[in-house]
Amino acid sequence: EREVPESDRGRVSEVLLRILNGSLFELYKQ
């Protein structure tokens, strides 16, 4: 909400969620 224009928030949210899930999976493996 602070850093992304309103028109791009949906697309950026999906990208950040994919990155979060992948990064947490690496934490799980560790």
PDB file of all heavy atoms in Angstrom:
ATOM      1  N   GLU A   1       0.814  -1.207   0.000  1.00  0.00           N
ATOM      2  CA  GLU A   1       0.000   0.000   0.000  1.00  0.00           C
ATOM      3  C   GLU A   1       0.855   1.267   0.000  1.00  0.00           C
ATOM      4  O   GLU A   1       0.487   2.287  -0.604  1.00  0.00           O
ATOM      5  CB  GLU A   1      -0.931   0.004   1.213  1.00  0.00           C
ATOM      6  CG  GLU A   1      -2.060  -0.997   1.117  1.00  0.00           C
ATOM      7  CD  GLU A   1      -2.988  -0.917   2.319  1.00  0.00           C
ATOM      8  OE1 GLU A   1      -2.688  -0.135   3.256  1.00  0.00           O
ATOM      9  OE2 GLU A   1      -4.010  -1.625   2.328  1.00  0.00           O
ATOM     10  N   ARG A   2       2.000   1.207   0.667  1.00  0.00           N
ATOM     11  CA  ARG A   2       2.847   2.398   0.766  1.00  0.00           C
ATOM     12  C   ARG A   2       3.716   2.605  -0.480  1.00  0.00           C
ATOM     13  O   ARG A   2       3.949   3.739  -0.903  1.00  0.00           O
ATOM     14  CB  ARG A   2       3.756   2.304   2.002  1.00  0.00           C
ATOM     15  CG  ARG A   2       3.049   2.397   3.328  1.00  0.00           C
ATOM     16  CD  ARG A   2       4.067   2.676   4.450  1.00  0.00           C
ATOM     17  NE  ARG A   2       5.210   1.785   4.393  1.00  0.00           N
ATOM     18  CZ  ARG A   2       5.292   0.632   5.053  1.00  0.00           C
ATOM     19  NH1 ARG A   2       4.283   0.246   5.808  1.00  0.00           N
ATOM     20  NH2 ARG A   2       6.379  -0.117   4.957  1.00  0.00           N
ATOM     21  N   GLU A   3       4.231   1.507  -1.031  1.00  0.00           N
ATOM     22  CA  GLU A   3       5.276   1.619  -2.043  1.00  0.00           C
ATOM     23  C   GLU A   3       4.805   1.374  -3.475  1.00  0.00           C
ATOM     24  O   GLU A   3       5.529   1.710  -4.417  1.00  0.00           O
ATOM     25  CB  GLU A   3       6.409   0.618  -1.725  1.00  0.00           C
ATOM     26  CG  GLU A   3       6.996   0.752  -0.333  1.00  0.00           C
ATOM     27  CD  GLU A   3       7.733   2.068  -0.148  1.00  0.00           C
ATOM     28  OE1 GLU A   3       8.140   2.667  -1.166  1.00  0.00           O
ATOM     29  OE2 GLU A   3       7.897   2.503   1.007  1.00  0.00           O
ATOM     30  N   VAL A   4       3.649   0.791  -3.671  1.00  0.00           N
ATOM     31  CA  VAL A   4       3.230   0.376  -5.017  1.00  0.00           C
ATOM     32  C   VAL A   4       2.000   1.177  -5.428  1.00  0.00           C
ATOM     33  O   VAL A   4       1.066   1.340  -4.633  1.00  0.00           O
ATOM     34  CB  VAL A   4       2.921  -1.141  -5.046  1.00  0.00           C
ATOM     35  CG1 VAL A   4       2.465  -1.565  -6.440  1.00  0.00           C
ATOM     36  CG2 VAL A   4       4.152  -1.926  -4.615  1.00  0.00           C
ATOM     37  N   PRO A   5       1.979   1.691  -6.661  1.00  0.00           N
ATOM     38  CA  PRO A   5       0.767   2.369  -7.148  1.00  0.00           C
ATOM     39  C   PRO A   5      -0.432   1.431  -7.112  1.00  0.00           C
ATOM     40  O   PRO A   5      -0.300   0.206  -7.253  1.00  0.00           O
ATOM     41  CB  PRO A   5       1.140   2.764  -8.590  1.00  0.00           C
ATOM     42  CG  PRO A   5       2.630   2.804  -8.605  1.00  0.00           C
ATOM     43  CD  PRO A   5       3.086   1.751  -7.642  1.00  0.00           C
ATOM     44  N   GLU A   6      -1.597   2.004  -6.953  1.00  0.00           N
ATOM     45  CA  GLU A   6      -2.806   1.201  -6.777  1.00  0.00           C
ATOM     46  C   GLU A   6      -3.065   0.297  -7.971  1.00  0.00           C
ATOM     47  O   GLU A   6      -3.537  -0.836  -7.808  1.00  0.00           O
ATOM     48  CB  GLU A   6      -3.996   2.125  -6.538  1.00  0.00           C
ATOM     49  CG  GLU A   6      -5.284   1.375  -6.222  1.00  0.00           C
ATOM     50  CD  GLU A   6      -6.412   2.314  -5.864  1.00  0.00           C
ATOM     51  OE1 GLU A   6      -6.178   3.547  -5.832  1.00  0.00           O
ATOM     52  OE2 GLU A   6      -7.527   1.830  -5.613  1.00  0.00           O
ATOM     53  N   SER A   7      -2.751   0.752  -9.162  1.00  0.00           N
ATOM     54  CA  SER A   7      -3.024  -0.050 -10.362  1.00  0.00           C
ATOM     55  C   SER A   7      -2.152  -1.296 -10.441  1.00  0.00           C
ATOM     56  O   SER A   7      -2.511  -2.265 -11.124  1.00  0.00           O
ATOM     57  CB  SER A   7      -2.820   0.807 -11.620  1.00  0.00           C
ATOM     58  OG  SER A   7      -1.481   1.309 -11.671  1.00  0.00           O
ATOM     59  N   ASP A   8      -1.000  -1.295  -9.782  1.00  0.00           N
ATOM     60  CA  ASP A   8      -0.076  -2.435  -9.858  1.00  0.00           C
ATOM     61  C   ASP A   8      -0.096  -3.307  -8.607  1.00  0.00           C
ATOM     62  O   ASP A   8       0.673  -4.266  -8.524  1.00  0.00           O
ATOM     63  CB  ASP A   8       1.358  -1.921 -10.076  1.00  0.00           C
ATOM     64  CG  ASP A   8       1.513  -1.186 -11.388  1.00  0.00           C
ATOM     65  OD1 ASP A   8       0.765  -1.508 -12.335  1.00  0.00           O
ATOM     66  OD2 ASP A   8       2.375  -0.288 -11.452  1.00  0.00           O
ATOM     67  N   ARG A   9      -0.951  -2.994  -7.639  1.00  0.00           N
ATOM     68  CA  ARG A   9      -0.882  -3.710  -6.359  1.00  0.00           C
ATOM     69  C   ARG A   9      -1.256  -5.179  -6.483  1.00  0.00           C
ATOM     70  O   ARG A   9      -0.650  -6.040  -5.839  1.00  0.00           O
ATOM     71  CB  ARG A   9      -1.795  -3.031  -5.341  1.00  0.00           C
ATOM     72  CG  ARG A   9      -1.261  -1.689  -4.856  1.00  0.00           C
ATOM     73  CD  ARG A   9      -2.230  -0.996  -3.917  1.00  0.00           C
ATOM     74  NE  ARG A   9      -1.736   0.339  -3.554  1.00  0.00           N
ATOM     75  CZ  ARG A   9      -2.409   1.228  -2.844  1.00  0.00           C
ATOM     76  NH1 ARG A   9      -3.635   0.920  -2.407  1.00  0.00           N
ATOM     77  NH2 ARG A   9      -1.891   2.405  -2.572  1.00  0.00           N
ATOM     78  N   GLY A  10      -2.252  -5.495  -7.296  1.00  0.00           N
ATOM     79  CA  GLY A  10      -2.643  -6.889  -7.440  1.00  0.00           C
ATOM     80  C   GLY A  10      -1.532  -7.738  -8.009  1.00  0.00           C
ATOM     81  O   GLY A  10      -1.235  -8.833  -7.514  1.00  0.00           O
ATOM     82  N   ARG A  11      -0.890  -7.252  -9.094  1.00  0.00           N
ATOM     83  CA  ARG A  11       0.191  -8.018  -9.725  1.00  0.00           C
ATOM     84  C   ARG A  11       1.389  -8.151  -8.794  1.00  0.00           C
ATOM     85  O   ARG A  11       1.958  -9.233  -8.650  1.00  0.00           O
ATOM     86  CB  ARG A  11       0.609  -7.313 -11.028  1.00  0.00           C
ATOM     87  CG  ARG A  11       1.756  -7.985 -11.772  1.00  0.00           C
ATOM     88  CD  ARG A  11       2.075  -7.224 -13.050  1.00  0.00           C
ATOM     89  NE  ARG A  11       2.375  -5.819 -12.772  1.00  0.00           N
ATOM     90  CZ  ARG A  11       3.581  -5.389 -12.352  1.00  0.00           C
ATOM     91  NH1 ARG A  11       4.571  -6.244 -12.185  1.00  0.00           N
ATOM     92  NH2 ARG A  11       3.786  -4.100 -12.128  1.00  0.00           N
ATOM     93  N   VAL A  12       1.762  -7.050  -8.116  1.00  0.00           N
ATOM     94  CA  VAL A  12       2.909  -7.095  -7.213  1.00  0.00           C
ATOM     95  C   VAL A  12       2.625  -8.009  -6.024  1.00  0.00           C
ATOM     96  O   VAL A  12       3.519  -8.733  -5.543  1.00  0.00           O
ATOM     97  CB  VAL A  12       3.265  -5.665  -6.749  1.00  0.00           C
ATOM     98  CG1 VAL A  12       4.345  -5.699  -5.673  1.00  0.00           C
ATOM     99  CG2 VAL A  12       3.719  -4.818  -7.935  1.00  0.00           C
ATOM    100  N   SER A  13       1.390  -8.009  -5.539  1.00  0.00           N
ATOM    101  CA  SER A  13       1.041  -8.871  -4.406  1.00  0.00           C
ATOM    102  C   SER A  13       1.241 -10.333  -4.751  1.00  0.00           C
ATOM    103  O   SER A  13       1.788 -11.115  -3.957  1.00  0.00           O
ATOM    104  CB  SER A  13      -0.415  -8.623  -3.989  1.00  0.00           C
ATOM    105  OG  SER A  13      -0.593  -7.311  -3.512  1.00  0.00           O
ATOM    106  N   GLU A  14       0.816 -10.724  -5.964  1.00  0.00           N
ATOM    107  CA  GLU A  14       0.986 -12.116  -6.376  1.00  0.00           C
ATOM    108  C   GLU A  14       2.467 -12.484  -6.467  1.00  0.00           C
ATOM    109  O   GLU A  14       2.878 -13.578  -6.064  1.00  0.00           O
ATOM    110  CB  GLU A  14       0.292 -12.335  -7.716  1.00  0.00           C
ATOM    111  CG  GLU A  14      -1.227 -12.198  -7.653  1.00  0.00           C
ATOM    112  CD  GLU A  14      -1.866 -12.445  -9.004  1.00  0.00           C
ATOM    113  OE1 GLU A  14      -1.127 -12.806  -9.950  1.00  0.00           O
ATOM    114  OE2 GLU A  14      -3.093 -12.272  -9.105  1.00  0.00           O
ATOM    115  N   VAL A  15       3.274 -11.582  -7.009  1.00  0.00           N
ATOM    116  CA  VAL A  15       4.714 -11.854  -7.128  1.00  0.00           C
ATOM    117  C   VAL A  15       5.348 -12.007  -5.749  1.00  0.00           C
ATOM    118  O   VAL A  15       6.142 -12.933  -5.490  1.00  0.00           O
ATOM    119  CB  VAL A  15       5.396 -10.728  -7.930  1.00  0.00           C
ATOM    120  CG1 VAL A  15       6.917 -10.899  -7.893  1.00  0.00           C
ATOM    121  CG2 VAL A  15       4.901 -10.712  -9.368  1.00  0.00           C
ATOM    122  N   LEU A  16       5.010 -11.096  -4.826  1.00  0.00           N
ATOM    123  CA  LEU A  16       5.591 -11.154  -3.482  1.00  0.00           C
ATOM    124  C   LEU A  16       5.165 -12.420  -2.741  1.00  0.00           C
ATOM    125  O   LEU A  16       5.964 -13.005  -1.995  1.00  0.00           O
ATOM    126  CB  LEU A  16       5.188  -9.913  -2.684  1.00  0.00           C
ATOM    127  CG  LEU A  16       5.769  -8.574  -3.157  1.00  0.00           C
ATOM    128  CD1 LEU A  16       5.322  -7.450  -2.247  1.00  0.00           C
ATOM    129  CD2 LEU A  16       7.299  -8.637  -3.200  1.00  0.00           C
ATOM    130  N   LEU A  17       3.932 -12.856  -2.952  1.00  0.00           N
ATOM    131  CA  LEU A  17       3.480 -14.087  -2.297  1.00  0.00           C
ATOM    132  C   LEU A  17       4.251 -15.296  -2.820  1.00  0.00           C
ATOM    133  O   LEU A  17       4.616 -16.190  -2.051  1.00  0.00           O
ATOM    134  CB  LEU A  17       1.973 -14.278  -2.511  1.00  0.00           C
ATOM    135  CG  LEU A  17       1.043 -13.524  -1.556  1.00  0.00           C
ATOM    136  CD1 LEU A  17      -0.410 -13.764  -1.924  1.00  0.00           C
ATOM    137  CD2 LEU A  17       1.291 -13.954  -0.116  1.00  0.00           C
ATOM    138  N   ARG A  18       4.506 -15.339  -4.155  1.00  0.00           N
ATOM    139  CA  ARG A  18       5.280 -16.461  -4.708  1.00  0.00           C
ATOM    140  C   ARG A  18       6.699 -16.445  -4.154  1.00  0.00           C
ATOM    141  O   ARG A  18       7.260 -17.492  -3.803  1.00  0.00           O
ATOM    142  CB  ARG A  18       5.292 -16.388  -6.235  1.00  0.00           C
ATOM    143  CG  ARG A  18       3.977 -16.785  -6.883  1.00  0.00           C
ATOM    144  CD  ARG A  18       4.177 -17.093  -8.362  1.00  0.00           C
ATOM    145  NE  ARG A  18       4.646 -15.917  -9.098  1.00  0.00           N
ATOM    146  CZ  ARG A  18       3.847 -15.030  -9.684  1.00  0.00           C
ATOM    147  NH1 ARG A  18       2.530 -15.176  -9.592  1.00  0.00           N
ATOM    148  NH2 ARG A  18       4.352 -14.010 -10.353  1.00  0.00           N
ATOM    149  N   ILE A  19       7.306 -15.263  -4.060  1.00  0.00           N
ATOM    150  CA  ILE A  19       8.655 -15.164  -3.503  1.00  0.00           C
ATOM    151  C   ILE A  19       8.650 -15.575  -2.032  1.00  0.00           C
ATOM    152  O   ILE A  19       9.554 -16.288  -1.567  1.00  0.00           O
ATOM    153  CB  ILE A  19       9.185 -13.730  -3.671  1.00  0.00           C
ATOM    154  CG1 ILE A  19       9.372 -13.412  -5.156  1.00  0.00           C
ATOM    155  CG2 ILE A  19      10.490 -13.542  -2.912  1.00  0.00           C
ATOM    156  CD1 ILE A  19       9.766 -11.964  -5.418  1.00  0.00           C
ATOM    157  N   LEU A  20       7.620 -15.143  -1.286  1.00  0.00           N
ATOM    158  CA  LEU A  20       7.533 -15.495   0.133  1.00  0.00           C
ATOM    159  C   LEU A  20       7.410 -17.004   0.306  1.00  0.00           C
ATOM    160  O   LEU A  20       8.122 -17.605   1.140  1.00  0.00           O
ATOM    161  CB  LEU A  20       6.341 -14.786   0.775  1.00  0.00           C
ATOM    162  CG  LEU A  20       6.041 -15.174   2.224  1.00  0.00           C
ATOM    163  CD1 LEU A  20       7.175 -14.737   3.148  1.00  0.00           C
ATOM    164  CD2 LEU A  20       4.722 -14.561   2.691  1.00  0.00           C
ATOM    165  N   ASN A  21       6.521 -17.627  -0.461  1.00  0.00           N
ATOM    166  CA  ASN A  21       6.337 -19.067  -0.320  1.00  0.00           C
ATOM    167  C   ASN A  21       7.621 -19.820  -0.649  1.00  0.00           C
ATOM    168  O   ASN A  21       8.009 -20.765   0.056  1.00  0.00           O
ATOM    169  CB  ASN A  21       5.192 -19.537  -1.232  1.00  0.00           C
ATOM    170  CG  ASN A  21       3.839 -19.048  -0.751  1.00  0.00           C
ATOM    171  OD1 ASN A  21       3.650 -18.822   0.445  1.00  0.00           O
ATOM    172  ND2 ASN A  21       2.905 -18.871  -1.680  1.00  0.00           N
ATOM    173  N   GLY A  22       8.300 -19.411  -1.734  1.00  0.00           N
ATOM    174  CA  GLY A  22       9.542 -20.086  -2.092  1.00  0.00           C
ATOM    175  C   GLY A  22      10.631 -19.876  -1.062  1.00  0.00           C
ATOM    176  O   GLY A  22      11.387 -20.815  -0.729  1.00  0.00           O
ATOM    177  N   SER A  23      10.742 -18.685  -0.518  1.00  0.00           N
ATOM    178  CA  SER A  23      11.775 -18.401   0.484  1.00  0.00           C
ATOM    179  C   SER A  23      11.504 -19.160   1.778  1.00  0.00           C
ATOM    180  O   SER A  23      12.439 -19.689   2.415  1.00  0.00           O
ATOM    181  CB  SER A  23      11.828 -16.896   0.755  1.00  0.00           C
ATOM    182  OG  SER A  23      12.074 -16.174  -0.436  1.00  0.00           O
ATOM    183  N   LEU A  24      10.230 -19.215   2.189  1.00  0.00           N
ATOM    184  CA  LEU A  24       9.900 -19.961   3.408  1.00  0.00           C
ATOM    185  C   LEU A  24      10.140 -21.453   3.224  1.00  0.00           C
ATOM    186  O   LEU A  24      10.507 -22.157   4.182  1.00  0.00           O
ATOM    187  CB  LEU A  24       8.438 -19.698   3.806  1.00  0.00           C
ATOM    188  CG  LEU A  24       8.132 -18.295   4.338  1.00  0.00           C
ATOM    189  CD1 LEU A  24       6.643 -18.148   4.626  1.00  0.00           C
ATOM    190  CD2 LEU A  24       8.934 -18.019   5.620  1.00  0.00           C
ATOM    191  N   PHE A  25       9.943 -21.946   2.007  1.00  0.00           N
ATOM    192  CA  PHE A  25      10.227 -23.357   1.758  1.00  0.00           C
ATOM    193  C   PHE A  25      11.714 -23.644   1.933  1.00  0.00           C
ATOM    194  O   PHE A  25      12.096 -24.707   2.436  1.00  0.00           O
ATOM    195  CB  PHE A  25       9.772 -23.738   0.355  1.00  0.00           C
ATOM    196  CG  PHE A  25       9.927 -25.202   0.055  1.00  0.00           C
ATOM    197  CD1 PHE A  25       9.219 -26.158   0.764  1.00  0.00           C
ATOM    198  CD2 PHE A  25      10.806 -25.631  -0.935  1.00  0.00           C
ATOM    199  CE1 PHE A  25       9.370 -27.510   0.488  1.00  0.00           C
ATOM    200  CE2 PHE A  25      10.967 -26.976  -1.214  1.00  0.00           C
ATOM    201  CZ  PHE A  25      10.243 -27.924  -0.497  1.00  0.00           C
ATOM    202  N   GLU A  26      12.571 -22.675   1.547  1.00  0.00           N
ATOM    203  CA  GLU A  26      14.007 -22.843   1.774  1.00  0.00           C
ATOM    204  C   GLU A  26      14.310 -22.842   3.276  1.00  0.00           C
ATOM    205  O   GLU A  26      15.165 -23.603   3.750  1.00  0.00           O
ATOM    206  CB  GLU A  26      14.786 -21.721   1.076  1.00  0.00           C
ATOM    207  CG  GLU A  26      14.717 -21.754  -0.437  1.00  0.00           C
ATOM    208  CD  GLU A  26      15.337 -23.021  -1.000  1.00  0.00           C
ATOM    209  OE1 GLU A  26      16.272 -23.568  -0.365  1.00  0.00           O
ATOM    210  OE2 GLU A  26      14.900 -23.480  -2.072  1.00  0.00           O
ATOM    211  N   LEU A  27      13.601 -21.990   4.025  1.00  0.00           N
ATOM    212  CA  LEU A  27      13.771 -22.004   5.490  1.00  0.00           C
ATOM    213  C   LEU A  27      13.332 -23.342   6.073  1.00  0.00           C
ATOM    214  O   LEU A  27      13.962 -23.863   7.004  1.00  0.00           O
ATOM    215  CB  LEU A  27      12.957 -20.868   6.126  1.00  0.00           C
ATOM    216  CG  LEU A  27      13.549 -19.462   6.102  1.00  0.00           C
ATOM    217  CD1 LEU A  27      12.587 -18.476   6.745  1.00  0.00           C
ATOM    218  CD2 LEU A  27      14.891 -19.425   6.843  1.00  0.00           C
ATOM    219  N   TYR A  28      12.250 -23.896   5.534  1.00  0.00           N
ATOM    220  CA  TYR A  28      11.768 -25.193   6.012  1.00  0.00           C
ATOM    221  C   TYR A  28      12.815 -26.275   5.765  1.00  0.00           C
ATOM    222  O   TYR A  28      13.082 -27.112   6.642  1.00  0.00           O
ATOM    223  CB  TYR A  28      10.449 -25.522   5.312  1.00  0.00           C
ATOM    224  CG  TYR A  28       9.841 -26.857   5.707  1.00  0.00           C
ATOM    225  CD1 TYR A  28       9.819 -27.279   7.036  1.00  0.00           C
ATOM    226  CD2 TYR A  28       9.302 -27.690   4.739  1.00  0.00           C
ATOM    227  CE1 TYR A  28       9.254 -28.503   7.380  1.00  0.00           C
ATOM    228  CE2 TYR A  28       8.739 -28.913   5.075  1.00  0.00           C
ATOM    229  CZ  TYR A  28       8.731 -29.312   6.406  1.00  0.00           C
ATOM    230  OH  TYR A  28       8.183 -30.516   6.754  1.00  0.00           O
ATOM    231  N   LYS A  29      13.440 -26.262   4.591  1.00  0.00           N
ATOM    232  CA  LYS A  29      14.472 -27.262   4.290  1.00  0.00           C
ATOM    233  C   LYS A  29      15.668 -27.092   5.217  1.00  0.00           C
ATOM    234  O   LYS A  29      16.263 -28.081   5.665  1.00  0.00           O
ATOM    235  CB  LYS A  29      14.881 -27.150   2.824  1.00  0.00           C
ATOM    236  CG  LYS A  29      13.808 -27.597   1.848  1.00  0.00           C
ATOM    237  CD  LYS A  29      14.332 -27.783   0.440  1.00  0.00           C
ATOM    238  CE  LYS A  29      14.721 -26.463  -0.185  1.00  0.00           C
ATOM    239  NZ  LYS A  29      15.145 -26.623  -1.591  1.00  0.00           N
ATOM    240  N   GLN A  30      16.042 -25.835   5.498  1.00  0.00           N
ATOM    241  CA  GLN A  30      17.149 -25.608   6.433  1.00  0.00           C
ATOM    242  C   GLN A  30      16.803 -26.136   7.819  1.00  0.00           C
ATOM    243  O   GLN A  30      17.654 -26.749   8.501  1.00  0.00           O
ATOM    244  CB  GLN A  30      17.451 -24.103   6.518  1.00  0.00           C
ATOM    245  CG  GLN A  30      18.038 -23.520   5.244  1.00  0.00           C
ATOM    246  CD  GLN A  30      18.232 -22.013   5.322  1.00  0.00           C
ATOM    247  OE1 GLN A  30      18.493 -21.358   4.327  1.00  0.00           O
ATOM    248  NE2 GLN A  30      18.114 -21.469   6.510  1.00  0.00           N
TER     249      GLN A  30
END
